[in-house]
């Protein structure tokens, strides 16, 4: 795994999360189990599958989507 693309993805996702929640809530969201991700932590899904599923989960929570 190349580190630079993962860090770029992480920064992008964190920027989006911080538009919704301030710290420390943003960090808590990234490191807590998430129903939209099947109980996985967003930070883990980001590392394994990329930013797409994490951003979809964020959008679902932001716009009130059901898990």
PDB file of N, CA and C in Angstrom:
ATOM      1  N   UNK A   1       0.841  -1.168   0.000  1.00  0.00           N
ATOM      2  CA  UNK A   1       0.000   0.000   0.000  1.00  0.00           C
ATOM      3  C   UNK A   1       0.891   1.238   0.000  1.00  0.00           C
ATOM      4  N   UNK A   2       0.590   2.163  -0.869  1.00  0.00           N
ATOM      5  CA  UNK A   2       1.330   3.420  -0.908  1.00  0.00           C
ATOM      6  C   UNK A   2       0.717   4.383   0.105  1.00  0.00           C
ATOM      7  N   UNK A   3       1.567   5.023   0.861  1.00  0.00           N
ATOM      8  CA  UNK A   3       1.116   5.869   1.960  1.00  0.00           C
ATOM      9  C   UNK A   3       0.536   7.191   1.470  1.00  0.00           C
ATOM     10  N   UNK A   4       1.141   7.823   0.489  1.00  0.00           N
ATOM     11  CA  UNK A   4       0.700   9.150   0.051  1.00  0.00           C
ATOM     12  C   UNK A   4      -0.764   9.176  -0.379  1.00  0.00           C
ATOM     13  N   UNK A   5      -1.237   8.253  -1.232  1.00  0.00           N
ATOM     14  CA  UNK A   5      -2.653   8.294  -1.607  1.00  0.00           C
ATOM     15  C   UNK A   5      -3.591   8.096  -0.413  1.00  0.00           C
ATOM     16  N   UNK A   6      -3.196   7.250   0.529  1.00  0.00           N
ATOM     17  CA  UNK A   6      -4.026   7.025   1.713  1.00  0.00           C
ATOM     18  C   UNK A   6      -4.110   8.304   2.545  1.00  0.00           C
ATOM     19  N   UNK A   7      -2.997   9.006   2.690  1.00  0.00           N
ATOM     20  CA  UNK A   7      -3.004  10.258   3.448  1.00  0.00           C
ATOM     21  C   UNK A   7      -3.837  11.330   2.759  1.00  0.00           C
ATOM     22  N   UNK A   8      -3.773  11.376   1.444  1.00  0.00           N
ATOM     23  CA  UNK A   8      -4.594  12.332   0.691  1.00  0.00           C
ATOM     24  C   UNK A   8      -6.068  12.016   0.887  1.00  0.00           C
ATOM     25  N   UNK A   9      -6.427  10.733   0.794  1.00  0.00           N
ATOM     26  CA  UNK A   9      -7.818  10.329   1.023  1.00  0.00           C
ATOM     27  C   UNK A   9      -8.259  10.662   2.442  1.00  0.00           C
ATOM     28  N   UNK A  10      -7.394  10.396   3.418  1.00  0.00           N
ATOM     29  CA  UNK A  10      -7.721  10.684   4.815  1.00  0.00           C
ATOM     30  C   UNK A  10      -7.975  12.173   5.014  1.00  0.00           C
ATOM     31  N   UNK A  11      -7.125  13.004   4.470  1.00  0.00           N
ATOM     32  CA  UNK A  11      -7.301  14.450   4.616  1.00  0.00           C
ATOM     33  C   UNK A  11      -8.600  14.913   3.966  1.00  0.00           C
ATOM     34  N   UNK A  12      -8.918  14.365   2.793  1.00  0.00           N
ATOM     35  CA  UNK A  12     -10.159  14.722   2.110  1.00  0.00           C
ATOM     36  C   UNK A  12     -11.373  14.336   2.946  1.00  0.00           C
ATOM     37  N   UNK A  13     -11.380  13.107   3.452  1.00  0.00           N
ATOM     38  CA  UNK A  13     -12.508  12.638   4.258  1.00  0.00           C
ATOM     39  C   UNK A  13     -12.613  13.456   5.546  1.00  0.00           C
ATOM     40  N   UNK A  14     -11.491  13.689   6.212  1.00  0.00           N
ATOM     41  CA  UNK A  14     -11.527  14.481   7.450  1.00  0.00           C
ATOM     42  C   UNK A  14     -12.055  15.892   7.202  1.00  0.00           C
ATOM     43  N   UNK A  15     -11.689  16.488   6.091  1.00  0.00           N
ATOM     44  CA  UNK A  15     -12.198  17.821   5.764  1.00  0.00           C
ATOM     45  C   UNK A  15     -13.714  17.792   5.632  1.00  0.00           C
ATOM     46  N   UNK A  16     -14.239  16.755   4.974  1.00  0.00           N
ATOM     47  CA  UNK A  16     -15.696  16.620   4.833  1.00  0.00           C
ATOM     48  C   UNK A  16     -16.369  16.370   6.178  1.00  0.00           C
ATOM     49  N   UNK A  17     -15.773  15.495   6.987  1.00  0.00           N
ATOM     50  CA  UNK A  17     -16.344  15.194   8.306  1.00  0.00           C
ATOM     51  C   UNK A  17     -16.371  16.455   9.164  1.00  0.00           C
ATOM     52  N   UNK A  18     -15.314  17.256   9.098  1.00  0.00           N
ATOM     53  CA  UNK A  18     -15.237  18.474   9.904  1.00  0.00           C
ATOM     54  C   UNK A  18     -16.214  19.553   9.442  1.00  0.00           C
ATOM     55  N   UNK A  19     -16.753  19.423   8.248  1.00  0.00           N
ATOM     56  CA  UNK A  19     -17.823  20.328   7.827  1.00  0.00           C
ATOM     57  C   UNK A  19     -19.121  20.014   8.561  1.00  0.00           C
ATOM     58  N   UNK A  20     -19.237  18.773   9.023  1.00  0.00           N
ATOM     59  CA  UNK A  20     -20.444  18.335   9.724  1.00  0.00           C
ATOM     60  C   UNK A  20     -20.270  18.450  11.234  1.00  0.00           C
ATOM     61  N   UNK A  21     -19.137  17.978  11.752  1.00  0.00           N
ATOM     62  CA  UNK A  21     -18.883  17.976  13.193  1.00  0.00           C
ATOM     63  C   UNK A  21     -17.538  18.625  13.485  1.00  0.00           C
ATOM     64  N   UNK A  22     -17.476  19.369  14.572  1.00  0.00           N
ATOM     65  CA  UNK A  22     -16.209  19.920  15.058  1.00  0.00           C
ATOM     66  C   UNK A  22     -15.474  18.833  15.833  1.00  0.00           C
ATOM     67  N   UNK A  23     -14.197  19.061  16.088  1.00  0.00           N
ATOM     68  CA  UNK A  23     -13.437  18.153  16.944  1.00  0.00           C
ATOM     69  C   UNK A  23     -13.941  18.318  18.374  1.00  0.00           C
ATOM     70  N   UNK A  24     -13.987  17.324  19.189  1.00  0.00           N
ATOM     71  CA  UNK A  24     -13.508  15.968  18.961  1.00  0.00           C
ATOM     72  C   UNK A  24     -14.545  15.041  18.327  1.00  0.00           C
ATOM     73  N   UNK A  25     -15.748  15.561  18.033  1.00  0.00           N
ATOM     74  CA  UNK A  25     -16.792  14.705  17.465  1.00  0.00           C
ATOM     75  C   UNK A  25     -16.375  14.120  16.117  1.00  0.00           C
ATOM     76  N   UNK A  26     -15.637  14.873  15.313  1.00  0.00           N
ATOM     77  CA  UNK A  26     -15.192  14.367  14.010  1.00  0.00           C
ATOM     78  C   UNK A  26     -14.272  13.164  14.177  1.00  0.00           C
ATOM     79  N   UNK A  27     -13.343  13.247  15.106  1.00  0.00           N
ATOM     80  CA  UNK A  27     -12.434  12.121  15.357  1.00  0.00           C
ATOM     81  C   UNK A  27     -13.192  10.926  15.913  1.00  0.00           C
ATOM     82  N   UNK A  28     -14.160  11.193  16.769  1.00  0.00           N
ATOM     83  CA  UNK A  28     -14.975  10.107  17.324  1.00  0.00           C
ATOM     84  C   UNK A  28     -15.742   9.407  16.213  1.00  0.00           C
ATOM     85  N   UNK A  29     -16.301  10.161  15.274  1.00  0.00           N
ATOM     86  CA  UNK A  29     -17.048   9.557  14.168  1.00  0.00           C
ATOM     87  C   UNK A  29     -16.132   8.668  13.328  1.00  0.00           C
ATOM     88  N   UNK A  30     -14.927   9.132  13.074  1.00  0.00           N
ATOM     89  CA  UNK A  30     -13.982   8.368  12.251  1.00  0.00           C
ATOM     90  C   UNK A  30     -13.532   7.070  12.914  1.00  0.00           C
ATOM     91  N   UNK A  31     -13.542   7.014  14.239  1.00  0.00           N
ATOM     92  CA  UNK A  31     -12.979   5.861  14.946  1.00  0.00           C
ATOM     93  C   UNK A  31     -14.018   5.023  15.675  1.00  0.00           C
ATOM     94  N   UNK A  32     -15.294   5.280  15.416  1.00  0.00           N
ATOM     95  CA  UNK A  32     -16.363   4.517  16.067  1.00  0.00           C
ATOM     96  C   UNK A  32     -17.063   3.619  15.059  1.00  0.00           C
ATOM     97  N   UNK A  33     -17.653   2.538  15.566  1.00  0.00           N
ATOM     98  CA  UNK A  33     -18.438   1.642  14.706  1.00  0.00           C
ATOM     99  C   UNK A  33     -19.544   2.445  14.034  1.00  0.00           C
ATOM    100  N   UNK A  34     -19.787   2.146  12.763  1.00  0.00           N
ATOM    101  CA  UNK A  34     -20.754   2.904  11.979  1.00  0.00           C
ATOM    102  C   UNK A  34     -21.745   1.950  11.331  1.00  0.00           C
ATOM    103  N   UNK A  35     -23.026   2.150  11.609  1.00  0.00           N
ATOM    104  CA  UNK A  35     -24.066   1.273  11.075  1.00  0.00           C
ATOM    105  C   UNK A  35     -24.112   1.303   9.551  1.00  0.00           C
ATOM    106  N   UNK A  36     -23.836   2.443   8.960  1.00  0.00           N
ATOM    107  CA  UNK A  36     -23.850   2.564   7.495  1.00  0.00           C
ATOM    108  C   UNK A  36     -22.716   1.774   6.842  1.00  0.00           C
ATOM    109  N   UNK A  37     -21.727   1.422   7.637  1.00  0.00           N
ATOM    110  CA  UNK A  37     -20.579   0.657   7.138  1.00  0.00           C
ATOM    111  C   UNK A  37     -20.582  -0.757   7.707  1.00  0.00           C
ATOM    112  N   UNK A  38     -21.736  -1.246   8.079  1.00  0.00           N
ATOM    113  CA  UNK A  38     -21.852  -2.609   8.597  1.00  0.00           C
ATOM    114  C   UNK A  38     -21.162  -2.804   9.938  1.00  0.00           C
ATOM    115  N   UNK A  39     -21.057  -1.746  10.716  1.00  0.00           N
ATOM    116  CA  UNK A  39     -20.416  -1.823  12.020  1.00  0.00           C
ATOM    117  C   UNK A  39     -18.928  -1.553  12.001  1.00  0.00           C
ATOM    118  N   UNK A  40     -18.361  -1.364  10.826  1.00  0.00           N
ATOM    119  CA  UNK A  40     -16.923  -1.071  10.719  1.00  0.00           C
ATOM    120  C   UNK A  40     -16.660   0.391  11.075  1.00  0.00           C
ATOM    121  N   UNK A  41     -15.423   0.671  11.428  1.00  0.00           N
ATOM    122  CA  UNK A  41     -15.017   2.047  11.705  1.00  0.00           C
ATOM    123  C   UNK A  41     -14.665   2.745  10.387  1.00  0.00           C
ATOM    124  N   UNK A  42     -15.112   3.994  10.197  1.00  0.00           N
ATOM    125  CA  UNK A  42     -14.782   4.704   8.963  1.00  0.00           C
ATOM    126  C   UNK A  42     -13.291   4.727   8.647  1.00  0.00           C
ATOM    127  N   UNK A  43     -12.437   4.892   9.643  1.00  0.00           N
ATOM    128  CA  UNK A  43     -10.996   4.937   9.389  1.00  0.00           C
ATOM    129  C   UNK A  43     -10.501   3.611   8.809  1.00  0.00           C
ATOM    130  N   UNK A  44     -11.065   2.495   9.251  1.00  0.00           N
ATOM    131  CA  UNK A  44     -10.660   1.191   8.725  1.00  0.00           C
ATOM    132  C   UNK A  44     -11.164   0.987   7.301  1.00  0.00           C
ATOM    133  N   UNK A  45     -12.413   1.376   7.055  1.00  0.00           N
ATOM    134  CA  UNK A  45     -12.977   1.247   5.706  1.00  0.00           C
ATOM    135  C   UNK A  45     -12.202   2.128   4.735  1.00  0.00           C
ATOM    136  N   UNK A  46     -11.836   3.309   5.165  1.00  0.00           N
ATOM    137  CA  UNK A  46     -11.044   4.206   4.323  1.00  0.00           C
ATOM    138  C   UNK A  46      -9.739   3.548   3.903  1.00  0.00           C
ATOM    139  N   UNK A  47      -9.079   2.910   4.833  1.00  0.00           N
ATOM    140  CA  UNK A  47      -7.800   2.259   4.547  1.00  0.00           C
ATOM    141  C   UNK A  47      -7.965   1.060   3.622  1.00  0.00           C
ATOM    142  N   UNK A  48      -9.019   0.279   3.832  1.00  0.00           N
ATOM    143  CA  UNK A  48      -9.204  -0.963   3.077  1.00  0.00           C
ATOM    144  C   UNK A  48      -9.918  -0.780   1.741  1.00  0.00           C
ATOM    145  N   UNK A  49     -10.881   0.150   1.689  1.00  0.00           N
ATOM    146  CA  UNK A  49     -11.730   0.254   0.501  1.00  0.00           C
ATOM    147  C   UNK A  49     -11.714   1.620  -0.166  1.00  0.00           C
ATOM    148  N   UNK A  50     -11.034   2.577   0.454  1.00  0.00           N
ATOM    149  CA  UNK A  50     -10.971   3.909  -0.126  1.00  0.00           C
ATOM    150  C   UNK A  50     -12.047   4.827   0.423  1.00  0.00           C
ATOM    151  N   UNK A  51     -12.070   6.058  -0.051  1.00  0.00           N
ATOM    152  CA  UNK A  51     -12.962   7.061   0.525  1.00  0.00           C
ATOM    153  C   UNK A  51     -14.432   6.928   0.133  1.00  0.00           C
ATOM    154  N   UNK A  52     -14.729   6.265  -0.961  1.00  0.00           N
ATOM    155  CA  UNK A  52     -16.106   6.199  -1.452  1.00  0.00           C
ATOM    156  C   UNK A  52     -17.130   5.752  -0.421  1.00  0.00           C
ATOM    157  N   UNK A  53     -16.974   4.556   0.162  1.00  0.00           N
ATOM    158  CA  UNK A  53     -17.962   4.096   1.139  1.00  0.00           C
ATOM    159  C   UNK A  53     -18.057   4.992   2.376  1.00  0.00           C
ATOM    160  N   UNK A  54     -16.942   5.566   2.783  1.00  0.00           N
ATOM    161  CA  UNK A  54     -16.946   6.435   3.964  1.00  0.00           C
ATOM    162  C   UNK A  54     -17.711   7.721   3.663  1.00  0.00           C
ATOM    163  N   UNK A  55     -17.491   8.295   2.496  1.00  0.00           N
ATOM    164  CA  UNK A  55     -18.216   9.507   2.121  1.00  0.00           C
ATOM    165  C   UNK A  55     -19.701   9.218   1.939  1.00  0.00           C
ATOM    166  N   UNK A  56     -20.046   8.041   1.428  1.00  0.00           N
ATOM    167  CA  UNK A  56     -21.453   7.658   1.318  1.00  0.00           C
ATOM    168  C   UNK A  56     -22.088   7.542   2.699  1.00  0.00           C
ATOM    169  N   UNK A  57     -21.371   6.958   3.654  1.00  0.00           N
ATOM    170  CA  UNK A  57     -21.875   6.846   5.026  1.00  0.00           C
ATOM    171  C   UNK A  57     -22.044   8.230   5.648  1.00  0.00           C
ATOM    172  N   UNK A  58     -21.086   9.109   5.413  1.00  0.00           N
ATOM    173  CA  UNK A  58     -21.185  10.470   5.932  1.00  0.00           C
ATOM    174  C   UNK A  58     -22.395  11.181   5.341  1.00  0.00           C
ATOM    175  N   UNK A  59     -22.579  11.057   4.036  1.00  0.00           N
ATOM    176  CA  UNK A  59     -23.738  11.673   3.390  1.00  0.00           C
ATOM    177  C   UNK A  59     -25.039  11.103   3.937  1.00  0.00           C
ATOM    178  N   UNK A  60     -25.090   9.795   4.148  1.00  0.00           N
ATOM    179  CA  UNK A  60     -26.300   9.168   4.682  1.00  0.00           C
ATOM    180  C   UNK A  60     -26.620   9.707   6.072  1.00  0.00           C
ATOM    181  N   UNK A  61     -25.614   9.854   6.911  1.00  0.00           N
ATOM    182  CA  UNK A  61     -25.849  10.395   8.252  1.00  0.00           C
ATOM    183  C   UNK A  61     -26.217  11.869   8.196  1.00  0.00           C
ATOM    184  N   UNK A  62     -25.556  12.603   7.329  1.00  0.00           N
ATOM    185  CA  UNK A  62     -25.821  14.033   7.216  1.00  0.00           C
ATOM    186  C   UNK A  62     -27.244  14.296   6.744  1.00  0.00           C
ATOM    187  N   UNK A  63     -27.694  13.513   5.783  1.00  0.00           N
ATOM    188  CA  UNK A  63     -29.009  13.735   5.186  1.00  0.00           C
ATOM    189  C   UNK A  63     -30.079  12.831   5.771  1.00  0.00           C
ATOM    190  N   UNK A  64     -29.752  12.124   6.856  1.00  0.00           N
ATOM    191  CA  UNK A  64     -30.766  11.351   7.570  1.00  0.00           C
ATOM    192  C   UNK A  64     -31.109  10.022   6.945  1.00  0.00           C
ATOM    193  N   UNK A  65     -30.194   9.426   6.204  1.00  0.00           N
ATOM    194  CA  UNK A  65     -30.450   8.120   5.601  1.00  0.00           C
ATOM    195  C   UNK A  65     -30.500   7.027   6.645  1.00  0.00           C
ATOM    196  N   UNK A  66     -31.317   6.035   6.399  1.00  0.00           N
ATOM    197  CA  UNK A  66     -31.426   4.901   7.320  1.00  0.00           C
ATOM    198  C   UNK A  66     -30.262   3.948   7.099  1.00  0.00           C
ATOM    199  N   UNK A  67     -29.872   3.299   8.160  1.00  0.00           N
ATOM    200  CA  UNK A  67     -28.773   2.329   8.078  1.00  0.00           C
ATOM    201  C   UNK A  67     -29.239   1.057   7.424  1.00  0.00           C
TER     202      UNK A  67
END
